[in-house]
Protein backbone atom coordinates (compact mmCIF):
# COMPACT_ATOMS: atom_id res chain seq x y z
CA MET A 1 89.98 131.16 78.44
CA ASN A 2 89.17 134.03 80.76
CA GLU A 3 90.94 137.20 79.63
CA ARG A 4 90.21 138.84 82.97
CA GLN A 5 92.29 136.38 84.95
CA ALA A 6 95.95 136.92 85.74
CA VAL A 7 98.85 135.19 87.42
CA VAL A 8 100.37 137.32 90.19
CA LEU A 9 103.78 136.60 91.71
CA LEU A 10 103.19 137.03 95.43
CA SER A 11 106.09 136.95 97.88
CA GLY A 12 104.19 138.29 100.89
CA GLY A 13 106.17 141.52 100.79
CA LEU A 14 105.13 145.14 100.43
CA ASP A 15 105.65 145.44 96.68
CA SER A 16 103.98 142.22 95.56
CA THR A 17 101.01 142.85 97.84
CA THR A 18 100.56 146.30 96.34
CA VAL A 19 100.68 144.79 92.85
CA LEU A 20 98.05 142.22 93.84
CA ALA A 21 95.80 145.03 95.08
CA MET A 22 96.36 146.93 91.83
CA ALA A 23 95.51 143.89 89.70
CA ARG A 24 92.32 143.35 91.69
CA SER A 25 91.40 147.04 91.32
CA GLN A 26 91.73 146.63 87.53
CA GLY A 27 89.17 143.84 87.59
CA PHE A 28 91.48 140.83 87.35
CA ALA A 29 90.67 137.60 89.12
CA CYS A 30 94.06 136.62 90.48
CA ASN A 31 95.92 133.33 90.59
CA CYS A 32 98.71 133.86 93.11
CA LEU A 33 102.06 132.13 92.77
CA SER A 34 104.59 131.92 95.61
CA PHE A 35 107.84 130.02 96.07
CA GLN A 36 109.64 128.05 98.72
CA TYR A 37 113.04 128.56 97.13
CA GLY A 38 115.26 127.61 100.04
CA GLN A 39 115.11 131.03 101.66
CA ARG A 40 116.37 131.09 105.24
CA GLN A 41 112.99 132.15 106.59
CA VAL A 42 109.46 131.29 105.51
CA ILE A 43 107.58 134.08 107.27
CA GLU A 44 106.94 135.69 103.89
CA LEU A 45 105.23 132.51 102.66
CA GLU A 46 102.93 132.48 105.68
CA ARG A 47 102.07 136.11 104.97
CA ALA A 48 101.56 135.39 101.27
CA ARG A 49 98.95 132.74 102.10
CA ILE A 50 97.10 135.19 104.34
CA ILE A 51 97.29 137.97 101.76
CA GLY A 52 96.13 135.71 98.95
CA GLN A 53 93.09 134.70 101.00
CA HIS A 54 92.43 138.34 101.91
CA TYR A 55 92.26 139.31 98.24
CA GLY A 56 90.15 136.33 97.24
CA ALA A 57 92.73 134.57 95.08
CA VAL A 58 91.12 132.15 92.65
CA ARG A 59 94.03 129.79 93.30
CA HIS A 60 97.23 130.07 95.31
CA LEU A 61 100.03 127.79 94.20
CA VAL A 62 103.23 127.43 96.24
CA LEU A 63 106.06 125.81 94.29
CA ARG A 64 109.39 124.52 95.54
CA VAL A 65 112.58 125.57 93.75
CA ASP A 66 115.72 124.43 95.57
CA LEU A 67 117.92 127.46 95.05
CA ASP A 68 119.57 126.81 98.41
CA ALA A 69 121.21 123.76 96.79
CA ILE A 70 122.84 126.15 94.31
CA GLY A 71 123.70 128.79 96.91
CA GLY A 72 125.50 132.02 96.12
CA SER A 73 123.18 134.33 98.08
CA ALA A 74 122.84 135.56 101.64
CA LEU A 75 119.14 134.73 101.38
CA THR A 76 119.71 131.02 100.77
CA THR A 77 122.99 130.23 102.57
CA ALA A 78 124.88 131.18 105.73
CA ILE A 79 126.41 134.30 104.12
CA PRO A 80 125.78 137.24 106.52
CA VAL A 81 123.04 139.65 105.46
CA PRO A 82 124.45 143.21 105.15
CA LYS A 83 123.17 145.62 107.80
CA ASP A 84 123.05 149.41 108.19
CA ARG A 85 124.29 150.15 104.69
CA PRO A 86 123.99 153.76 103.50
CA PHE A 87 121.41 154.18 100.73
CA ALA A 88 124.08 155.43 98.33
CA GLU A 89 126.05 152.23 98.84
CA MET A 90 123.03 150.13 97.90
CA GLU A 91 123.18 151.60 94.38
CA GLN A 92 126.87 150.95 93.79
CA ALA A 93 127.09 147.17 93.37
CA ILE A 94 124.95 144.04 93.28
CA PRO A 95 124.73 142.86 96.91
CA VAL A 96 125.12 139.37 98.35
CA THR A 97 121.33 139.23 98.83
CA TYR A 98 120.97 138.84 95.06
CA VAL A 99 119.71 135.30 94.33
CA PRO A 100 121.15 134.10 91.00
CA GLY A 101 118.42 133.48 88.44
CA ARG A 102 115.56 133.91 90.90
CA ASN A 103 113.30 136.24 88.92
CA ILE A 104 114.04 134.36 85.68
CA LEU A 105 112.94 131.10 87.31
CA PHE A 106 109.92 132.66 89.01
CA LEU A 107 108.72 134.23 85.78
CA ALA A 108 109.30 131.01 83.85
CA HIS A 109 107.06 129.14 86.29
CA ALA A 110 104.47 131.94 86.15
CA LEU A 111 104.55 131.75 82.36
CA SER A 112 104.05 127.99 82.38
CA TRP A 113 101.11 128.22 84.78
CA ALA A 114 99.54 131.09 82.86
CA GLU A 115 99.70 129.09 79.64
CA VAL A 116 98.03 126.10 81.31
CA LEU A 117 95.33 128.32 82.83
CA GLY A 118 94.73 130.01 79.48
CA VAL A 119 95.44 133.55 80.68
CA SER A 120 97.77 136.11 79.18
CA ASP A 121 98.56 138.59 81.98
CA ILE A 122 101.36 138.16 84.51
CA PHE A 123 101.86 140.70 87.30
CA LEU A 124 104.99 141.11 89.40
CA GLY A 125 106.36 143.66 91.84
CA ILE A 126 109.85 144.40 90.55
CA ASN A 127 111.11 147.95 91.00
CA ALA A 128 113.98 149.80 89.33
CA ILE A 129 114.05 152.85 91.63
CA ASP A 130 114.18 151.88 95.33
CA TYR A 131 115.94 148.54 94.93
CA SER A 132 119.28 147.05 95.92
CA GLY A 133 120.92 146.91 92.50
CA TYR A 134 119.36 143.66 91.28
CA PRO A 135 119.77 143.30 87.49
CA ASP A 136 116.53 141.29 87.22
CA CYS A 137 114.45 144.23 88.46
CA ARG A 138 115.10 146.44 85.43
CA PRO A 139 112.63 147.27 82.63
CA GLU A 140 114.99 145.99 79.94
CA PHE A 141 115.08 142.59 81.65
CA LEU A 142 111.29 142.40 81.73
CA ARG A 143 110.96 143.46 78.09
CA ALA A 144 113.44 140.76 77.08
CA PHE A 145 111.60 138.11 79.10
CA GLU A 146 108.26 139.04 77.56
CA GLN A 147 109.76 138.81 74.08
CA MET A 148 111.25 135.41 74.90
CA ALA A 149 107.93 134.22 76.35
CA ASN A 150 106.09 135.05 73.17
CA LEU A 151 108.73 133.40 70.99
CA GLY A 152 108.98 130.20 72.99
CA THR A 153 105.42 129.22 73.91
CA LYS A 154 102.48 127.72 72.06
CA ALA A 155 100.25 130.57 73.24
CA GLY A 156 102.68 133.26 72.14
CA THR A 157 103.14 131.78 68.69
CA THR A 158 99.43 131.12 68.05
CA GLY A 159 98.01 134.58 68.58
CA ARG A 160 97.66 134.71 72.36
CA PRO A 161 100.67 136.76 73.49
CA PHE A 162 101.66 137.18 77.10
CA ARG A 163 101.86 140.55 78.81
CA CYS A 164 104.15 141.08 81.81
CA HIS A 165 102.90 143.88 84.04
CA ALA A 166 105.26 145.60 86.48
CA PRO A 167 103.22 148.62 87.58
CA LEU A 168 105.71 149.59 90.31
CA ILE A 169 108.82 149.50 88.19
CA HIS A 170 109.26 153.28 87.95
CA LEU A 171 107.83 154.23 91.38
CA SER A 172 109.74 155.14 94.53
CA LYS A 173 108.99 153.23 97.72
CA LYS A 174 107.08 156.27 98.96
CA GLU A 175 104.92 156.30 95.82
CA ILE A 176 104.30 152.55 96.10
CA ILE A 177 103.15 152.90 99.70
CA LEU A 178 100.87 155.83 98.92
CA LYS A 179 99.35 153.92 96.01
CA GLY A 180 98.76 150.95 98.28
CA MET A 181 97.14 153.13 100.90
CA GLU A 182 94.75 154.48 98.23
CA LEU A 183 93.76 150.89 97.54
CA GLY A 184 93.34 150.03 101.21
CA VAL A 185 96.35 147.72 101.50
CA ASP A 186 97.00 146.57 105.06
CA TYR A 187 100.80 146.69 105.19
CA GLY A 188 100.68 145.12 108.63
CA LEU A 189 100.05 141.83 106.82
CA THR A 190 103.25 142.07 104.79
CA HIS A 191 106.82 141.04 105.52
CA SER A 192 109.92 142.44 103.81
CA CYS A 193 112.90 141.68 106.09
CA TYR A 194 115.86 139.63 104.86
CA ASP A 195 116.97 138.60 108.35
CA PRO A 196 114.06 138.59 110.82
CA VAL A 197 114.28 137.66 114.48
CA SER A 198 111.35 135.33 115.15
CA GLU A 199 108.59 137.15 113.23
CA ARG A 200 109.98 140.65 113.82
CA ALA A 201 111.85 142.55 111.12
CA CYS A 202 115.45 143.47 111.91
CA GLY A 203 115.10 147.10 110.79
CA ARG A 204 118.70 147.13 109.55
CA CYS A 205 118.92 145.12 106.32
CA ASP A 206 118.56 146.81 102.93
CA ALA A 207 114.92 145.73 102.56
CA CYS A 208 113.97 147.08 105.99
CA ARG A 209 115.84 150.35 105.50
CA LEU A 210 114.23 151.02 102.11
CA ARG A 211 110.82 150.14 103.48
CA LEU A 212 111.17 152.34 106.58
CA GLN A 213 112.48 155.23 104.47
CA GLY A 214 109.45 154.92 102.20
CA PHE A 215 107.03 155.11 105.12
CA ARG A 216 108.89 158.10 106.60
CA GLU A 217 108.81 159.96 103.28
CA ALA A 218 105.10 159.18 102.95
CA GLY A 219 104.50 160.64 106.43
CA LEU A 220 103.26 157.30 107.72
CA VAL A 221 104.21 154.76 110.37
CA ASP A 222 105.11 151.28 109.20
CA PRO A 223 102.68 148.87 110.91
CA ALA A 224 105.05 145.91 110.65
CA PRO A 225 106.65 144.67 113.91
CA TYR A 226 110.37 145.45 114.31
CA VAL A 227 112.92 144.09 116.76
CA GLU A 228 113.56 147.53 118.22
CA GLY A 229 110.02 148.87 117.84
């Protein structure tokens, strides 16, 4: 067992890339885990592979979880992705871009892999401040998952408890970006858009609007390519 290894959930987006950089800066050798979950675009997976290589991932595992067969989300079915929503509206209700059970399933796979690898630390980029109302991005969810993980695994019940790290959970998008810049993150490698056109971000979905607002508040220009420049 190598206590300085970790499993890092890596989507290829801004938040998960920042978390990967933070884990590396803390001395962790990182095993990156990404998912082909039936999302309507796979640009983020292409970016995740590049980012994992850039940060010298020990391993990079891409698993398939067919959430498109279940449906219920604008990210996995033909439901239109909301555009141009006011920021206040994003906080009022859980949007159609919520993917039922996604973070539970992703963390369960990360937990399984971590136990096989013999490591105890799992990093993920959930955020409870600048997010679109997803219930599985809250600290109470993560605390409950960690408790469950340590009750329901051989490692957790034999003195090797798991720790779930969400270092961005209480940061604004501006603070996340500034932290990433301190660590030298190249945000031009990342992709956040829910509804891209070719490989260009739409600039109008919730993810794009939150990302662009964060860069504006940080006094920086987002290096990602957008449909309208």
